[in-house]
């Protein structure tokens, strides 16, 4: 049996997720939902096939058939096991606690989902740099750049012989770790994320197709430049919290007007979803606003109140502040 960097040649194609916090778990469960849907469709069409994460039909995409979910505490491990969609998903996912290096050794591709401040302790662990050689590392760490990840790997176990080259970490034996940054959001859980990706200069077409496939399983994908990444981290990664605050404010107003919070919750969220669907279909925000705000109606009165309270400026400034904060996350390493 051929073994390459800890991975047996005939072993199941494995994706290791290093860090299953809020975002890592959302991605995991979104991928499981995608797998369940694809498997159901194949069985419904009379095709018997083992659970497999399916997506784009490209022959050179090595789609994972197994996921190793890495956590630090038994409490986190139990949370993941408890929330698995169904018992048969255990065939696809194995939860590993406190053994990141072994999980990376067994991986073909790695999704880095630890906290940005834990980058050094996660990738700087003894044996980690060696375990990552020759593999694709997909980082979803806000504010952490590809060069910062390279620097951590270069200080790892092969520090004496490692050297950096562009968007790649090259060890003395010539093997490389290709690093790609991605920023999805927590809507990955319901496969409605919007993910931005910045492609490293040496990423192969196969690498890029794999990353596109992975995040298309849980939403939409947009490719951007490295310079745009912090702004897109704020716009795509942080604004679900902004929208939640806006909905929460609407619910408070609705309750004050006598509506039940649970019913108002459904009405407000569905209304936001409908407005978003219209804009995704091509409707411009200003045009949609004008259509709803008819002359002499009630909507224009509410809009004027929002303008008097400077909502537009407050929201824009919040996004700008969020972007500035995102740019510093990579420097706050433990």
C-alpha atoms as a PDB file:
ATOM      1  CA  UNK A   1       0.000   0.000   0.000  1.00  0.00           C
ATOM      2  CA  UNK A   2       1.506   3.317  -1.071  1.00  0.00           C
ATOM      3  CA  UNK A   3       1.607   5.979   1.628  1.00  0.00           C
ATOM      4  CA  UNK A   4       2.219   9.640   0.763  1.00  0.00           C
ATOM      5  CA  UNK A   5       2.783  11.993   3.709  1.00  0.00           C
ATOM      6  CA  UNK A   6       0.695   9.851   6.021  1.00  0.00           C
ATOM      7  CA  UNK A   7      -2.143   9.208   3.545  1.00  0.00           C
ATOM      8  CA  UNK A   8      -2.563   5.697   2.171  1.00  0.00           C
ATOM      9  CA  UNK A   9      -3.070   5.525  -1.571  1.00  0.00           C
ATOM     10  CA  UNK A  10      -6.356   3.652  -1.269  1.00  0.00           C
ATOM     11  CA  UNK A  11      -7.695   5.550   1.765  1.00  0.00           C
ATOM     12  CA  UNK A  12     -11.012   7.442   1.461  1.00  0.00           C
ATOM     13  CA  UNK A  13     -10.589  10.999   0.262  1.00  0.00           C
ATOM     14  CA  UNK A  14     -10.578  12.957   3.497  1.00  0.00           C
ATOM     15  CA  UNK A  15     -11.293  16.579   4.372  1.00  0.00           C
ATOM     16  CA  UNK A  16     -10.034  17.590   7.814  1.00  0.00           C
ATOM     17  CA  UNK A  17     -11.652  20.616   9.475  1.00  0.00           C
ATOM     18  CA  UNK A  18      -9.291  22.155  12.028  1.00  0.00           C
ATOM     19  CA  UNK A  19     -11.665  23.940  14.395  1.00  0.00           C
ATOM     20  CA  UNK A  20     -15.409  23.344  14.515  1.00  0.00           C
ATOM     21  CA  UNK A  21     -16.666  26.461  16.238  1.00  0.00           C
ATOM     22  CA  UNK A  22     -19.652  28.424  14.972  1.00  0.00           C
ATOM     23  CA  UNK A  23     -18.448  28.786  11.381  1.00  0.00           C
ATOM     24  CA  UNK A  24     -16.659  25.457  11.094  1.00  0.00           C
ATOM     25  CA  UNK A  25     -19.748  23.641  12.385  1.00  0.00           C
ATOM     26  CA  UNK A  26     -22.014  25.565  10.008  1.00  0.00           C
ATOM     27  CA  UNK A  27     -19.862  24.476   7.063  1.00  0.00           C
ATOM     28  CA  UNK A  28     -19.784  20.886   8.304  1.00  0.00           C
ATOM     29  CA  UNK A  29     -23.554  20.625   8.685  1.00  0.00           C
ATOM     30  CA  UNK A  30     -24.125  22.388   5.377  1.00  0.00           C
ATOM     31  CA  UNK A  31     -21.908  19.833   3.628  1.00  0.00           C
ATOM     32  CA  UNK A  32     -23.782  17.005   5.340  1.00  0.00           C
ATOM     33  CA  UNK A  33     -27.092  18.454   4.155  1.00  0.00           C
ATOM     34  CA  UNK A  34     -25.683  18.619   0.617  1.00  0.00           C
ATOM     35  CA  UNK A  35     -24.519  15.020   0.869  1.00  0.00           C
ATOM     36  CA  UNK A  36     -27.908  13.855   2.149  1.00  0.00           C
ATOM     37  CA  UNK A  37     -29.721  15.614  -0.700  1.00  0.00           C
ATOM     38  CA  UNK A  38     -27.397  14.255  -3.368  1.00  0.00           C
ATOM     39  CA  UNK A  39     -27.582  10.714  -1.962  1.00  0.00           C
ATOM     40  CA  UNK A  40     -31.375  10.925  -1.808  1.00  0.00           C
ATOM     41  CA  UNK A  41     -31.542  12.079  -5.425  1.00  0.00           C
ATOM     42  CA  UNK A  42     -29.339   9.211  -6.591  1.00  0.00           C
ATOM     43  CA  UNK A  43     -31.339   6.601  -4.676  1.00  0.00           C
ATOM     44  CA  UNK A  44     -34.556   8.113  -6.038  1.00  0.00           C
ATOM     45  CA  UNK A  45     -33.183   7.668  -9.539  1.00  0.00           C
ATOM     46  CA  UNK A  46     -32.396   4.026  -8.860  1.00  0.00           C
ATOM     47  CA  UNK A  47     -28.664   4.565  -8.362  1.00  0.00           C
ATOM     48  CA  UNK A  48     -27.239   2.856  -5.302  1.00  0.00           C
ATOM     49  CA  UNK A  49     -24.219   4.740  -4.045  1.00  0.00           C
ATOM     50  CA  UNK A  50     -22.460   5.149  -0.721  1.00  0.00           C
ATOM     51  CA  UNK A  51     -22.773   8.545   0.986  1.00  0.00           C
ATOM     52  CA  UNK A  52     -20.565  10.930  -0.924  1.00  0.00           C
ATOM     53  CA  UNK A  53     -20.253  14.689  -1.111  1.00  0.00           C
ATOM     54  CA  UNK A  54     -21.225  15.483  -4.670  1.00  0.00           C
ATOM     55  CA  UNK A  55     -21.113  18.669  -6.711  1.00  0.00           C
ATOM     56  CA  UNK A  56     -19.488  19.791  -9.928  1.00  0.00           C
ATOM     57  CA  UNK A  57     -18.832  16.924 -12.300  1.00  0.00           C
ATOM     58  CA  UNK A  58     -15.131  17.312 -12.984  1.00  0.00           C
ATOM     59  CA  UNK A  59     -12.982  14.233 -13.246  1.00  0.00           C
ATOM     60  CA  UNK A  60     -10.024  15.896 -11.539  1.00  0.00           C
ATOM     61  CA  UNK A  61     -11.968  17.002  -8.444  1.00  0.00           C
ATOM     62  CA  UNK A  62     -11.166  14.604  -5.638  1.00  0.00           C
ATOM     63  CA  UNK A  63     -14.377  15.056  -3.674  1.00  0.00           C
ATOM     64  CA  UNK A  64     -14.140  13.991  -0.020  1.00  0.00           C
ATOM     65  CA  UNK A  65     -16.005  10.930   1.136  1.00  0.00           C
ATOM     66  CA  UNK A  66     -14.955  11.386   4.755  1.00  0.00           C
ATOM     67  CA  UNK A  67     -14.673  14.395   7.081  1.00  0.00           C
ATOM     68  CA  UNK A  68     -12.517  14.585  10.202  1.00  0.00           C
ATOM     69  CA  UNK A  69     -13.894  17.292  12.514  1.00  0.00           C
ATOM     70  CA  UNK A  70     -11.267  18.490  15.004  1.00  0.00           C
ATOM     71  CA  UNK A  71     -12.159  20.076  18.350  1.00  0.00           C
ATOM     72  CA  UNK A  72     -10.248  20.832  21.542  1.00  0.00           C
ATOM     73  CA  UNK A  73     -12.693  19.845  24.281  1.00  0.00           C
ATOM     74  CA  UNK A  74     -14.959  16.888  24.991  1.00  0.00           C
ATOM     75  CA  UNK A  75     -17.824  19.349  25.379  1.00  0.00           C
ATOM     76  CA  UNK A  76     -17.343  20.520  21.789  1.00  0.00           C
ATOM     77  CA  UNK A  77     -17.041  16.944  20.586  1.00  0.00           C
ATOM     78  CA  UNK A  78     -20.293  15.989  22.287  1.00  0.00           C
ATOM     79  CA  UNK A  79     -22.023  19.055  20.818  1.00  0.00           C
ATOM     80  CA  UNK A  80     -21.055  17.986  17.304  1.00  0.00           C
ATOM     81  CA  UNK A  81     -22.124  14.387  17.820  1.00  0.00           C
ATOM     82  CA  UNK A  82     -25.439  15.477  19.311  1.00  0.00           C
ATOM     83  CA  UNK A  83     -26.214  17.778  16.392  1.00  0.00           C
ATOM     84  CA  UNK A  84     -25.365  15.362  13.589  1.00  0.00           C
ATOM     85  CA  UNK A  85     -28.335  15.400  11.170  1.00  0.00           C
ATOM     86  CA  UNK A  86     -28.853  11.634  11.388  1.00  0.00           C
ATOM     87  CA  UNK A  87     -27.136   8.501  12.603  1.00  0.00           C
ATOM     88  CA  UNK A  88     -25.915   7.491   9.166  1.00  0.00           C
ATOM     89  CA  UNK A  89     -23.856  10.681   8.968  1.00  0.00           C
ATOM     90  CA  UNK A  90     -21.516   9.021  11.464  1.00  0.00           C
ATOM     91  CA  UNK A  91     -20.301   6.969   8.501  1.00  0.00           C
ATOM     92  CA  UNK A  92     -19.143  10.201   6.899  1.00  0.00           C
ATOM     93  CA  UNK A  93     -17.861  12.225   9.871  1.00  0.00           C
ATOM     94  CA  UNK A  94     -15.433  11.350  12.638  1.00  0.00           C
ATOM     95  CA  UNK A  95     -14.985  13.781  15.522  1.00  0.00           C
ATOM     96  CA  UNK A  96     -11.386  14.023  16.758  1.00  0.00           C
ATOM     97  CA  UNK A  97     -10.472  15.762  20.001  1.00  0.00           C
ATOM     98  CA  UNK A  98      -7.017  17.105  20.765  1.00  0.00           C
ATOM     99  CA  UNK A  99      -5.118  15.361  17.966  1.00  0.00           C
ATOM    100  CA  UNK A 100      -4.889  17.856  15.112  1.00  0.00           C
ATOM    101  CA  UNK A 101      -1.619  16.592  13.664  1.00  0.00           C
ATOM    102  CA  UNK A 102      -2.888  13.025  13.281  1.00  0.00           C
ATOM    103  CA  UNK A 103      -6.067  14.321  11.637  1.00  0.00           C
ATOM    104  CA  UNK A 104      -4.056  16.400   9.163  1.00  0.00           C
ATOM    105  CA  UNK A 105      -1.768  13.458   8.428  1.00  0.00           C
ATOM    106  CA  UNK A 106      -4.854  11.460   7.423  1.00  0.00           C
ATOM    107  CA  UNK A 107      -6.237  14.298   5.268  1.00  0.00           C
ATOM    108  CA  UNK A 108      -6.029  14.991   1.557  1.00  0.00           C
ATOM    109  CA  UNK A 109      -7.245  18.585   2.043  1.00  0.00           C
ATOM    110  CA  UNK A 110      -7.518  20.725   5.173  1.00  0.00           C
ATOM    111  CA  UNK A 111      -9.988  23.462   6.130  1.00  0.00           C
ATOM    112  CA  UNK A 112      -8.446  25.793   8.716  1.00  0.00           C
ATOM    113  CA  UNK A 113     -11.209  27.089  11.001  1.00  0.00           C
ATOM    114  CA  UNK A 114      -9.564  27.885  14.342  1.00  0.00           C
ATOM    115  CA  UNK A 115      -9.793  31.347  15.896  1.00  0.00           C
ATOM    116  CA  UNK A 116      -7.390  33.830  14.243  1.00  0.00           C
ATOM    117  CA  UNK A 117      -5.557  34.353  17.531  1.00  0.00           C
ATOM    118  CA  UNK A 118      -4.919  30.590  17.722  1.00  0.00           C
ATOM    119  CA  UNK A 119      -3.120  30.417  14.372  1.00  0.00           C
ATOM    120  CA  UNK A 120       0.343  29.976  15.903  1.00  0.00           C
ATOM    121  CA  UNK A 121      -0.679  27.283  18.370  1.00  0.00           C
ATOM    122  CA  UNK A 122      -2.684  25.397  15.733  1.00  0.00           C
ATOM    123  CA  UNK A 123      -0.302  25.401  12.766  1.00  0.00           C
ATOM    124  CA  UNK A 124       2.849  25.741  14.854  1.00  0.00           C
ATOM    125  CA  UNK A 125       2.288  22.448  16.650  1.00  0.00           C
ATOM    126  CA  UNK A 126       5.167  19.949  16.312  1.00  0.00           C
ATOM    127  CA  UNK A 127       4.703  17.906  13.167  1.00  0.00           C
ATOM    128  CA  UNK A 128       1.990  20.099  11.671  1.00  0.00           C
ATOM    129  CA  UNK A 129       4.096  21.679   8.920  1.00  0.00           C
ATOM    130  CA  UNK A 130       5.289  18.251   7.796  1.00  0.00           C
ATOM    131  CA  UNK A 131       1.740  16.858   7.897  1.00  0.00           C
ATOM    132  CA  UNK A 132       0.541  19.658   5.613  1.00  0.00           C
ATOM    133  CA  UNK A 133       3.162  19.212   2.912  1.00  0.00           C
ATOM    134  CA  UNK A 134       1.740  18.469  -0.505  1.00  0.00           C
ATOM    135  CA  UNK A 135      -1.815  19.291   0.571  1.00  0.00           C
ATOM    136  CA  UNK A 136      -4.305  22.081  -0.024  1.00  0.00           C
ATOM    137  CA  UNK A 137      -4.919  24.286   3.020  1.00  0.00           C
ATOM    138  CA  UNK A 138      -8.127  26.330   2.844  1.00  0.00           C
ATOM    139  CA  UNK A 139      -8.174  29.092   5.437  1.00  0.00           C
ATOM    140  CA  UNK A 140     -11.425  30.663   6.656  1.00  0.00           C
ATOM    141  CA  UNK A 141      -9.644  32.795   9.260  1.00  0.00           C
ATOM    142  CA  UNK A 142     -10.789  36.411   9.224  1.00  0.00           C
ATOM    143  CA  UNK A 143      -7.955  38.903   8.954  1.00  0.00           C
ATOM    144  CA  UNK A 144      -5.207  36.297   8.501  1.00  0.00           C
ATOM    145  CA  UNK A 145      -3.357  36.601   5.204  1.00  0.00           C
ATOM    146  CA  UNK A 146      -1.649  33.900   3.172  1.00  0.00           C
ATOM    147  CA  UNK A 147       1.845  35.297   3.971  1.00  0.00           C
ATOM    148  CA  UNK A 148       1.020  35.158   7.703  1.00  0.00           C
ATOM    149  CA  UNK A 149       0.065  31.496   7.395  1.00  0.00           C
ATOM    150  CA  UNK A 150       3.254  30.822   5.435  1.00  0.00           C
ATOM    151  CA  UNK A 151       5.329  32.426   8.170  1.00  0.00           C
ATOM    152  CA  UNK A 152       3.781  30.223  10.850  1.00  0.00           C
ATOM    153  CA  UNK A 153       4.391  27.082   8.792  1.00  0.00           C
ATOM    154  CA  UNK A 154       7.971  28.170   8.064  1.00  0.00           C
ATOM    155  CA  UNK A 155       8.585  28.313  11.820  1.00  0.00           C
ATOM    156  CA  UNK A 156       7.318  24.772  12.260  1.00  0.00           C
ATOM    157  CA  UNK A 157       9.035  21.426  12.524  1.00  0.00           C
ATOM    158  CA  UNK A 158      11.009  21.906   9.280  1.00  0.00           C
ATOM    159  CA  UNK A 159      12.201  25.379  10.282  1.00  0.00           C
ATOM    160  CA  UNK A 160      15.793  24.634   9.367  1.00  0.00           C
ATOM    161  CA  UNK A 161      15.007  23.681   5.783  1.00  0.00           C
ATOM    162  CA  UNK A 162      11.697  25.384   4.990  1.00  0.00           C
ATOM    163  CA  UNK A 163      11.535  28.412   2.776  1.00  0.00           C
ATOM    164  CA  UNK A 164       8.668  30.464   1.410  1.00  0.00           C
ATOM    165  CA  UNK A 165       7.906  31.054  -2.241  1.00  0.00           C
ATOM    166  CA  UNK A 166       4.949  33.207  -3.307  1.00  0.00           C
ATOM    167  CA  UNK A 167       1.679  31.771  -2.069  1.00  0.00           C
ATOM    168  CA  UNK A 168       3.214  28.446  -1.184  1.00  0.00           C
ATOM    169  CA  UNK A 169       5.226  26.974   1.670  1.00  0.00           C
ATOM    170  CA  UNK A 170       8.088  24.899   0.291  1.00  0.00           C
ATOM    171  CA  UNK A 171       9.989  22.456   2.449  1.00  0.00           C
ATOM    172  CA  UNK A 172      13.461  21.182   1.717  1.00  0.00           C
ATOM    173  CA  UNK A 173      12.126  18.028   0.059  1.00  0.00           C
ATOM    174  CA  UNK A 174      10.325  20.091  -2.594  1.00  0.00           C
ATOM    175  CA  UNK A 175       6.786  19.349  -1.473  1.00  0.00           C
ATOM    176  CA  UNK A 176       4.458  22.285  -1.169  1.00  0.00           C
ATOM    177  CA  UNK A 177       1.402  23.388   0.770  1.00  0.00           C
ATOM    178  CA  UNK A 178      -0.967  25.395  -1.390  1.00  0.00           C
ATOM    179  CA  UNK A 179      -2.918  27.964   0.625  1.00  0.00           C
ATOM    180  CA  UNK A 180      -6.239  29.506  -0.429  1.00  0.00           C
ATOM    181  CA  UNK A 181      -8.303  31.969   1.611  1.00  0.00           C
ATOM    182  CA  UNK A 182     -12.081  31.793   1.750  1.00  0.00           C
ATOM    183  CA  UNK A 183     -14.666  33.627   3.824  1.00  0.00           C
ATOM    184  CA  UNK A 184     -18.128  32.047   4.055  1.00  0.00           C
ATOM    185  CA  UNK A 185     -20.724  32.933   6.701  1.00  0.00           C
ATOM    186  CA  UNK A 186     -22.943  31.152   9.196  1.00  0.00           C
ATOM    187  CA  UNK A 187     -25.718  30.726   6.616  1.00  0.00           C
ATOM    188  CA  UNK A 188     -23.555  27.801   5.461  1.00  0.00           C
ATOM    189  CA  UNK A 189     -25.653  25.808   7.923  1.00  0.00           C
ATOM    190  CA  UNK A 190     -28.711  26.187   5.649  1.00  0.00           C
ATOM    191  CA  UNK A 191     -26.626  26.172   2.445  1.00  0.00           C
ATOM    192  CA  UNK A 192     -27.280  29.878   1.846  1.00  0.00           C
ATOM    193  CA  UNK A 193     -23.816  31.284   2.456  1.00  0.00           C
ATOM    194  CA  UNK A 194     -22.049  33.764   0.239  1.00  0.00           C
ATOM    195  CA  UNK A 195     -18.349  32.902   0.099  1.00  0.00           C
ATOM    196  CA  UNK A 196     -15.501  35.026  -1.210  1.00  0.00           C
ATOM    197  CA  UNK A 197     -12.268  33.405  -2.334  1.00  0.00           C
ATOM    198  CA  UNK A 198      -8.859  34.809  -3.126  1.00  0.00           C
ATOM    199  CA  UNK A 199      -6.774  32.543  -5.313  1.00  0.00           C
ATOM    200  CA  UNK A 200      -3.110  32.141  -4.523  1.00  0.00           C
ATOM    201  CA  UNK A 201      -0.765  32.601  -7.444  1.00  0.00           C
ATOM    202  CA  UNK A 202       0.324  28.951  -7.654  1.00  0.00           C
ATOM    203  CA  UNK A 203      -3.078  27.337  -7.109  1.00  0.00           C
ATOM    204  CA  UNK A 204      -3.755  24.750  -9.782  1.00  0.00           C
ATOM    205  CA  UNK A 205      -7.024  24.718 -11.726  1.00  0.00           C
ATOM    206  CA  UNK A 206      -7.850  21.525  -9.841  1.00  0.00           C
ATOM    207  CA  UNK A 207      -7.281  23.283  -6.488  1.00  0.00           C
ATOM    208  CA  UNK A 208      -9.568  26.122  -7.496  1.00  0.00           C
ATOM    209  CA  UNK A 209     -12.296  23.825  -8.792  1.00  0.00           C
ATOM    210  CA  UNK A 210     -12.220  21.867  -5.548  1.00  0.00           C
ATOM    211  CA  UNK A 211     -12.599  25.047  -3.467  1.00  0.00           C
ATOM    212  CA  UNK A 212     -15.353  26.333  -5.764  1.00  0.00           C
ATOM    213  CA  UNK A 213     -17.155  23.002  -5.481  1.00  0.00           C
ATOM    214  CA  UNK A 214     -16.796  22.891  -1.701  1.00  0.00           C
ATOM    215  CA  UNK A 215     -18.339  26.302  -1.097  1.00  0.00           C
ATOM    216  CA  UNK A 216     -20.909  26.036  -3.880  1.00  0.00           C
ATOM    217  CA  UNK A 217     -22.272  23.071  -1.935  1.00  0.00           C
ATOM    218  CA  UNK A 218     -23.237  25.549   0.801  1.00  0.00           C
ATOM    219  CA  UNK A 219     -24.087  28.700  -1.179  1.00  0.00           C
ATOM    220  CA  UNK A 220     -22.619  31.030  -3.779  1.00  0.00           C
ATOM    221  CA  UNK A 221     -18.974  31.807  -4.576  1.00  0.00           C
ATOM    222  CA  UNK A 222     -17.262  35.022  -5.707  1.00  0.00           C
ATOM    223  CA  UNK A 223     -13.563  35.363  -6.513  1.00  0.00           C
ATOM    224  CA  UNK A 224     -11.879  38.551  -5.303  1.00  0.00           C
ATOM    225  CA  UNK A 225      -8.371  39.983  -4.895  1.00  0.00           C
ATOM    226  CA  UNK A 226      -6.407  39.784  -1.661  1.00  0.00           C
ATOM    227  CA  UNK A 227      -6.718  43.562  -1.262  1.00  0.00           C
ATOM    228  CA  UNK A 228     -10.510  43.292  -1.141  1.00  0.00           C
ATOM    229  CA  UNK A 229     -10.598  40.503   1.409  1.00  0.00           C
ATOM    230  CA  UNK A 230     -11.049  42.484   4.634  1.00  0.00           C
ATOM    231  CA  UNK A 231     -13.922  44.521   3.181  1.00  0.00           C
ATOM    232  CA  UNK A 232     -15.577  41.337   1.929  1.00  0.00           C
ATOM    233  CA  UNK A 233     -15.029  39.692   5.308  1.00  0.00           C
ATOM    234  CA  UNK A 234     -17.103  42.494   6.822  1.00  0.00           C
ATOM    235  CA  UNK A 235     -19.703  42.548   4.038  1.00  0.00           C
ATOM    236  CA  UNK A 236     -20.207  38.794   3.763  1.00  0.00           C
ATOM    237  CA  UNK A 237     -19.037  37.418   7.087  1.00  0.00           C
ATOM    238  CA  UNK A 238     -20.261  40.017   9.588  1.00  0.00           C
ATOM    239  CA  UNK A 239     -23.475  41.428   8.155  1.00  0.00           C
ATOM    240  CA  UNK A 240     -25.659  38.459   9.144  1.00  0.00           C
ATOM    241  CA  UNK A 241     -25.281  39.912  12.647  1.00  0.00           C
ATOM    242  CA  UNK A 242     -26.233  43.367  11.301  1.00  0.00           C
ATOM    243  CA  UNK A 243     -29.346  41.950   9.661  1.00  0.00           C
ATOM    244  CA  UNK A 244     -30.203  40.068  12.850  1.00  0.00           C
ATOM    245  CA  UNK A 245     -30.000  43.314  14.829  1.00  0.00           C
ATOM    246  CA  UNK A 246     -32.303  45.039  12.321  1.00  0.00           C
ATOM    247  CA  UNK A 247     -34.819  42.187  12.541  1.00  0.00           C
ATOM    248  CA  UNK A 248     -34.581  42.220  16.324  1.00  0.00           C
ATOM    249  CA  UNK A 249     -35.358  45.940  16.324  1.00  0.00           C
ATOM    250  CA  UNK A 250     -38.390  45.344  14.115  1.00  0.00           C
ATOM    251  CA  UNK A 251     -39.579  42.648  16.510  1.00  0.00           C
ATOM    252  CA  UNK A 252     -39.330  45.034  19.470  1.00  0.00           C
ATOM    253  CA  UNK A 253     -41.447  47.542  17.581  1.00  0.00           C
ATOM    254  CA  UNK A 254     -43.936  44.865  16.583  1.00  0.00           C
ATOM    255  CA  UNK A 255     -44.311  43.688  20.182  1.00  0.00           C
ATOM    256  CA  UNK A 256     -44.855  47.286  21.289  1.00  0.00           C
ATOM    257  CA  UNK A 257     -47.673  47.428  18.735  1.00  0.00           C
ATOM    258  CA  UNK A 258     -49.304  44.314  20.153  1.00  0.00           C
ATOM    259  CA  UNK A 259     -48.004  41.509  17.922  1.00  0.00           C
ATOM    260  CA  UNK A 260     -46.666  38.231  19.267  1.00  0.00           C
ATOM    261  CA  UNK A 261     -42.886  38.090  18.973  1.00  0.00           C
ATOM    262  CA  UNK A 262     -42.919  34.574  17.496  1.00  0.00           C
ATOM    263  CA  UNK A 263     -45.337  35.573  14.742  1.00  0.00           C
ATOM    264  CA  UNK A 264     -43.563  38.865  14.082  1.00  0.00           C
ATOM    265  CA  UNK A 265     -40.297  36.923  13.802  1.00  0.00           C
ATOM    266  CA  UNK A 266     -41.617  34.839  10.912  1.00  0.00           C
ATOM    267  CA  UNK A 267     -43.189  37.832   9.170  1.00  0.00           C
ATOM    268  CA  UNK A 268     -40.084  40.031   9.428  1.00  0.00           C
ATOM    269  CA  UNK A 269     -37.617  37.322   8.419  1.00  0.00           C
ATOM    270  CA  UNK A 270     -39.734  36.238   5.456  1.00  0.00           C
ATOM    271  CA  UNK A 271     -40.116  39.843   4.350  1.00  0.00           C
ATOM    272  CA  UNK A 272     -36.343  40.314   4.440  1.00  0.00           C
ATOM    273  CA  UNK A 273     -35.887  37.064   2.513  1.00  0.00           C
ATOM    274  CA  UNK A 274     -38.380  38.234  -0.122  1.00  0.00           C
ATOM    275  CA  UNK A 275     -36.698  41.614  -0.510  1.00  0.00           C
ATOM    276  CA  UNK A 276     -33.330  39.878  -0.870  1.00  0.00           C
ATOM    277  CA  UNK A 277     -34.762  37.551  -3.518  1.00  0.00           C
ATOM    278  CA  UNK A 278     -36.000  40.528  -5.524  1.00  0.00           C
ATOM    279  CA  UNK A 279     -32.589  42.194  -5.414  1.00  0.00           C
ATOM    280  CA  UNK A 280     -30.823  38.959  -6.345  1.00  0.00           C
ATOM    281  CA  UNK A 281     -33.174  38.787  -9.333  1.00  0.00           C
ATOM    282  CA  UNK A 282     -31.842  42.159 -10.494  1.00  0.00           C
ATOM    283  CA  UNK A 283     -33.945  44.748  -8.655  1.00  0.00           C
ATOM    284  CA  UNK A 284     -31.836  47.697  -7.524  1.00  0.00           C
ATOM    285  CA  UNK A 285     -32.268  48.689  -3.842  1.00  0.00           C
ATOM    286  CA  UNK A 286     -33.265  52.249  -4.698  1.00  0.00           C
ATOM    287  CA  UNK A 287     -35.838  51.056  -7.248  1.00  0.00           C
ATOM    288  CA  UNK A 288     -37.329  48.587  -4.772  1.00  0.00           C
ATOM    289  CA  UNK A 289     -37.568  51.285  -2.132  1.00  0.00           C
ATOM    290  CA  UNK A 290     -39.306  53.620  -4.573  1.00  0.00           C
ATOM    291  CA  UNK A 291     -41.818  50.946  -5.582  1.00  0.00           C
ATOM    292  CA  UNK A 292     -42.815  50.258  -1.978  1.00  0.00           C
ATOM    293  CA  UNK A 293     -42.886  53.903  -0.862  1.00  0.00           C
ATOM    294  CA  UNK A 294     -45.972  55.075  -2.746  1.00  0.00           C
ATOM    295  CA  UNK A 295     -46.952  58.784  -2.658  1.00  0.00           C
ATOM    296  CA  UNK A 296     -48.724  59.765   0.544  1.00  0.00           C
ATOM    297  CA  UNK A 297     -48.346  56.273   1.985  1.00  0.00           C
ATOM    298  CA  UNK A 298     -47.115  54.990   5.313  1.00  0.00           C
ATOM    299  CA  UNK A 299     -43.798  53.555   4.092  1.00  0.00           C
ATOM    300  CA  UNK A 300     -42.334  56.952   3.201  1.00  0.00           C
ATOM    301  CA  UNK A 301     -43.043  58.159   6.732  1.00  0.00           C
ATOM    302  CA  UNK A 302     -41.027  55.307   8.165  1.00  0.00           C
ATOM    303  CA  UNK A 303     -38.209  55.880   5.679  1.00  0.00           C
ATOM    304  CA  UNK A 304     -38.054  59.571   6.562  1.00  0.00           C
ATOM    305  CA  UNK A 305     -37.713  58.676  10.228  1.00  0.00           C
ATOM    306  CA  UNK A 306     -34.831  56.324   9.432  1.00  0.00           C
ATOM    307  CA  UNK A 307     -33.150  59.079   7.406  1.00  0.00           C
ATOM    308  CA  UNK A 308     -33.656  61.589  10.227  1.00  0.00           C
ATOM    309  CA  UNK A 309     -31.867  59.166  12.556  1.00  0.00           C
ATOM    310  CA  UNK A 310     -29.030  58.822   9.986  1.00  0.00           C
ATOM    311  CA  UNK A 311     -29.444  55.080   9.488  1.00  0.00           C
ATOM    312  CA  UNK A 312     -27.662  55.187   6.131  1.00  0.00           C
ATOM    313  CA  UNK A 313     -24.515  56.774   7.584  1.00  0.00           C
ATOM    314  CA  UNK A 314     -24.569  54.602  10.697  1.00  0.00           C
ATOM    315  CA  UNK A 315     -24.719  51.397   8.663  1.00  0.00           C
ATOM    316  CA  UNK A 316     -21.986  52.516   6.238  1.00  0.00           C
ATOM    317  CA  UNK A 317     -19.739  53.571   9.122  1.00  0.00           C
ATOM    318  CA  UNK A 318     -20.360  50.259  10.892  1.00  0.00           C
ATOM    319  CA  UNK A 319     -19.177  48.363   7.817  1.00  0.00           C
ATOM    320  CA  UNK A 320     -16.073  50.557   7.561  1.00  0.00           C
ATOM    321  CA  UNK A 321     -15.266  50.007  11.257  1.00  0.00           C
ATOM    322  CA  UNK A 322     -15.846  46.291  10.862  1.00  0.00           C
ATOM    323  CA  UNK A 323     -13.435  46.150   7.928  1.00  0.00           C
ATOM    324  CA  UNK A 324     -10.756  47.997   9.912  1.00  0.00           C
ATOM    325  CA  UNK A 325     -11.169  45.558  12.793  1.00  0.00           C
ATOM    326  CA  UNK A 326     -10.981  42.556  10.464  1.00  0.00           C
ATOM    327  CA  UNK A 327      -7.632  43.739   9.136  1.00  0.00           C
ATOM    328  CA  UNK A 328      -6.100  43.533  12.627  1.00  0.00           C
ATOM    329  CA  UNK A 329      -7.344  40.066  13.607  1.00  0.00           C
ATOM    330  CA  UNK A 330      -4.307  38.331  12.185  1.00  0.00           C
ATOM    331  CA  UNK A 331      -1.982  40.356  14.423  1.00  0.00           C
ATOM    332  CA  UNK A 332      -3.758  39.280  17.633  1.00  0.00           C
ATOM    333  CA  UNK A 333      -2.220  35.854  17.880  1.00  0.00           C
ATOM    334  CA  UNK A 334      -1.902  34.188  21.256  1.00  0.00           C
END
